[in-house]
Amino acid sequence: MFDYADMTIDIDTLGKASRHRMVLHMTCRHCGHKGQIKARDLARTHGFGTDPRTWSFRCSRCDMRNCIVRVMEEIRR
C-alpha cells in the first residue's frame, strides 16, 4: 500500500530544516562541548539553500573547527 521510502524527505538545506522546525546540534570532537541553534535563525543569516551538514562550526570552548553536526526535531515543552 505505502512504500516507506516515499514517505521520507532528505533535510539537505537550512530552508527545509526551518520549515520543519528543526534544530542543529553541534558536538565538538575535541573537547565534547555541545551547542544548538535553530535552523530558522541560521537560514535567515546564511541562506535557505545552505547545506547544514557541510557547515564548519567553531567550538566556543576550545576554538577548534572539528564538530559533529546533527539536524534534529525541535522538542517543545
N, C-alpha and C. Protein backbone atom coordinates (compact mmCIF):
# COMPACT_ATOMS: atom_id res chain seq x y z
N MET A 1 0.81 -1.19 0.00
CA MET A 1 0.00 0.00 0.00
C MET A 1 0.86 1.26 0.00
N PHE A 2 1.67 1.46 1.06
CA PHE A 2 2.57 2.61 1.11
C PHE A 2 4.00 2.10 1.13
N ASP A 3 4.85 2.80 0.44
CA ASP A 3 6.27 2.50 0.49
C ASP A 3 6.92 3.52 1.42
N TYR A 4 7.59 3.05 2.47
CA TYR A 4 8.17 3.97 3.45
C TYR A 4 9.23 4.87 2.83
N ALA A 5 9.89 4.44 1.79
CA ALA A 5 10.90 5.26 1.14
C ALA A 5 10.28 6.51 0.53
N ASP A 6 9.02 6.43 0.12
CA ASP A 6 8.34 7.58 -0.46
C ASP A 6 7.87 8.56 0.61
N MET A 7 7.83 8.14 1.85
CA MET A 7 7.28 8.98 2.90
C MET A 7 8.34 9.78 3.65
N THR A 8 9.60 9.58 3.33
CA THR A 8 10.66 10.32 4.00
C THR A 8 11.20 11.40 3.08
N ILE A 9 11.73 12.45 3.70
CA ILE A 9 12.38 13.50 2.92
C ILE A 9 13.79 13.69 3.45
N ASP A 10 14.65 14.15 2.59
CA ASP A 10 16.03 14.41 2.97
C ASP A 10 16.14 15.89 3.34
N ILE A 11 16.58 16.16 4.56
CA ILE A 11 16.77 17.54 5.00
C ILE A 11 18.18 17.95 4.58
N ASP A 12 18.29 18.52 3.39
CA ASP A 12 19.60 18.85 2.85
C ASP A 12 19.84 20.35 2.74
N THR A 13 18.87 21.17 3.16
CA THR A 13 19.07 22.63 3.18
C THR A 13 18.53 23.20 4.48
N LEU A 14 19.03 24.37 4.83
CA LEU A 14 18.52 25.05 6.02
C LEU A 14 17.06 25.47 5.84
N GLY A 15 16.66 25.71 4.59
CA GLY A 15 15.27 26.07 4.32
C GLY A 15 14.32 24.93 4.67
N LYS A 16 14.66 23.72 4.26
CA LYS A 16 13.82 22.56 4.60
C LYS A 16 13.82 22.32 6.10
N ALA A 17 14.97 22.46 6.73
CA ALA A 17 15.06 22.26 8.17
C ALA A 17 14.24 23.30 8.92
N SER A 18 14.25 24.54 8.46
CA SER A 18 13.49 25.58 9.15
C SER A 18 11.99 25.39 8.94
N ARG A 19 11.56 24.91 7.78
CA ARG A 19 10.13 24.65 7.55
C ARG A 19 9.61 23.56 8.47
N HIS A 20 10.46 22.63 8.83
CA HIS A 20 10.07 21.53 9.70
C HIS A 20 10.43 21.78 11.16
N ARG A 21 10.78 23.04 11.46
CA ARG A 21 11.12 23.47 12.83
C ARG A 21 12.19 22.58 13.45
N MET A 22 13.33 22.50 12.77
CA MET A 22 14.41 21.66 13.24
C MET A 22 15.51 22.49 13.89
N VAL A 23 16.36 21.80 14.63
CA VAL A 23 17.45 22.41 15.37
C VAL A 23 18.75 21.72 14.96
N LEU A 24 19.82 22.47 14.86
CA LEU A 24 21.14 21.90 14.60
C LEU A 24 21.85 21.72 15.93
N HIS A 25 22.24 20.48 16.22
CA HIS A 25 23.00 20.16 17.43
C HIS A 25 24.45 19.95 17.01
N MET A 26 25.35 20.67 17.66
CA MET A 26 26.77 20.53 17.37
C MET A 26 27.48 19.96 18.60
N THR A 27 28.40 19.03 18.38
CA THR A 27 29.22 18.46 19.44
C THR A 27 30.67 18.52 18.97
N CYS A 28 31.53 19.13 19.80
CA CYS A 28 32.94 19.24 19.46
C CYS A 28 33.61 17.88 19.65
N ARG A 29 34.31 17.43 18.64
CA ARG A 29 35.02 16.15 18.73
C ARG A 29 36.25 16.25 19.62
N HIS A 30 36.76 17.45 19.81
CA HIS A 30 37.97 17.64 20.59
C HIS A 30 37.70 17.67 22.10
N CYS A 31 36.73 18.52 22.55
CA CYS A 31 36.50 18.69 23.99
C CYS A 31 35.13 18.20 24.46
N GLY A 32 34.23 17.85 23.51
CA GLY A 32 32.92 17.34 23.89
C GLY A 32 31.88 18.40 24.18
N HIS A 33 32.23 19.68 24.02
CA HIS A 33 31.28 20.77 24.26
C HIS A 33 30.11 20.67 23.28
N LYS A 34 28.90 20.94 23.77
CA LYS A 34 27.70 20.83 22.94
C LYS A 34 27.01 22.18 22.82
N GLY A 35 26.37 22.39 21.70
CA GLY A 35 25.60 23.60 21.46
C GLY A 35 24.50 23.31 20.47
N GLN A 36 23.56 24.25 20.37
CA GLN A 36 22.48 24.09 19.40
C GLN A 36 22.03 25.45 18.92
N ILE A 37 21.45 25.46 17.71
CA ILE A 37 20.89 26.66 17.13
C ILE A 37 19.70 26.25 16.28
N LYS A 38 18.69 27.08 16.27
CA LYS A 38 17.53 26.80 15.43
C LYS A 38 17.90 27.00 13.97
N ALA A 39 17.46 26.09 13.13
CA ALA A 39 17.75 26.16 11.70
C ALA A 39 17.19 27.44 11.10
N ARG A 40 16.05 27.88 11.61
CA ARG A 40 15.40 29.10 11.12
C ARG A 40 16.32 30.31 11.30
N ASP A 41 16.97 30.42 12.46
CA ASP A 41 17.85 31.56 12.72
C ASP A 41 19.09 31.53 11.84
N LEU A 42 19.65 30.36 11.65
CA LEU A 42 20.83 30.22 10.80
C LEU A 42 20.49 30.47 9.33
N ALA A 43 19.32 30.03 8.89
CA ALA A 43 18.90 30.21 7.50
C ALA A 43 18.69 31.69 7.17
N ARG A 44 18.22 32.45 8.12
CA ARG A 44 17.99 33.89 7.88
C ARG A 44 19.30 34.63 7.62
N THR A 45 20.37 34.20 8.27
CA THR A 45 21.64 34.91 8.11
C THR A 45 22.54 34.32 7.02
N HIS A 46 22.43 33.03 6.76
CA HIS A 46 23.35 32.38 5.82
C HIS A 46 22.69 31.79 4.58
N GLY A 47 21.38 31.95 4.45
CA GLY A 47 20.70 31.49 3.25
C GLY A 47 19.95 30.19 3.42
N PHE A 48 18.78 30.13 2.83
CA PHE A 48 17.90 28.98 2.97
C PHE A 48 18.36 27.79 2.14
N GLY A 49 19.26 28.00 1.19
CA GLY A 49 19.75 26.92 0.34
C GLY A 49 21.03 26.27 0.83
N THR A 50 21.55 26.72 1.97
CA THR A 50 22.80 26.19 2.52
C THR A 50 22.60 24.80 3.09
N ASP A 51 23.55 23.91 2.83
CA ASP A 51 23.50 22.55 3.36
C ASP A 51 24.07 22.56 4.78
N PRO A 52 23.27 22.23 5.80
CA PRO A 52 23.75 22.29 7.19
C PRO A 52 24.79 21.23 7.52
N ARG A 53 24.85 20.16 6.75
CA ARG A 53 25.80 19.08 7.04
C ARG A 53 27.22 19.44 6.64
N THR A 54 27.39 20.42 5.77
CA THR A 54 28.72 20.82 5.32
C THR A 54 29.22 22.06 6.05
N TRP A 55 28.43 22.57 6.98
CA TRP A 55 28.79 23.78 7.70
C TRP A 55 29.95 23.50 8.64
N SER A 56 30.87 24.43 8.77
CA SER A 56 32.03 24.27 9.64
C SER A 56 31.86 25.16 10.87
N PHE A 57 31.43 24.56 11.98
CA PHE A 57 31.21 25.31 13.21
C PHE A 57 32.49 25.34 14.03
N ARG A 58 32.70 26.44 14.73
CA ARG A 58 33.85 26.59 15.62
C ARG A 58 33.37 26.45 17.06
N CYS A 59 34.05 25.62 17.83
CA CYS A 59 33.71 25.40 19.23
C CYS A 59 34.01 26.66 20.04
N SER A 60 33.05 27.08 20.85
CA SER A 60 33.25 28.29 21.65
C SER A 60 34.13 28.04 22.87
N ARG A 61 34.36 26.80 23.20
CA ARG A 61 35.20 26.47 24.37
C ARG A 61 36.67 26.31 23.99
N CYS A 62 36.97 25.47 22.98
CA CYS A 62 38.37 25.18 22.64
C CYS A 62 38.80 25.82 21.32
N ASP A 63 37.89 26.46 20.60
CA ASP A 63 38.17 27.19 19.35
C ASP A 63 38.60 26.28 18.20
N MET A 64 38.23 25.00 18.24
CA MET A 64 38.55 24.06 17.16
C MET A 64 37.38 24.02 16.17
N ARG A 65 37.67 23.68 14.91
CA ARG A 65 36.64 23.52 13.88
C ARG A 65 36.44 22.05 13.56
N ASN A 66 36.19 21.25 14.58
CA ASN A 66 36.01 19.82 14.41
C ASN A 66 34.75 19.38 15.14
N CYS A 67 33.59 19.74 14.57
CA CYS A 67 32.31 19.48 15.23
C CYS A 67 31.45 18.50 14.43
N ILE A 68 30.72 17.69 15.16
CA ILE A 68 29.71 16.82 14.58
C ILE A 68 28.42 17.64 14.53
N VAL A 69 27.76 17.66 13.38
CA VAL A 69 26.51 18.43 13.22
C VAL A 69 25.38 17.45 12.97
N ARG A 70 24.33 17.57 13.78
CA ARG A 70 23.12 16.75 13.62
C ARG A 70 21.92 17.66 13.45
N VAL A 71 21.06 17.34 12.51
CA VAL A 71 19.82 18.08 12.32
C VAL A 71 18.71 17.25 12.96
N MET A 72 18.06 17.83 13.98
CA MET A 72 17.06 17.08 14.75
C MET A 72 15.80 17.91 14.93
N GLU A 73 14.72 17.23 15.27
CA GLU A 73 13.46 17.91 15.55
C GLU A 73 13.56 18.74 16.81
N GLU A 74 12.91 19.89 16.79
CA GLU A 74 12.86 20.74 17.98
C GLU A 74 11.86 20.16 18.97
N ILE A 75 12.28 20.00 20.21
CA ILE A 75 11.40 19.46 21.24
C ILE A 75 10.70 20.62 21.92
N ARG A 76 9.40 20.61 21.88
CA ARG A 76 8.61 21.68 22.50
C ARG A 76 8.15 21.25 23.86
N ARG A 77 8.22 22.16 24.80
CA ARG A 77 7.78 21.87 26.16
C ARG A 77 6.74 22.83 26.61
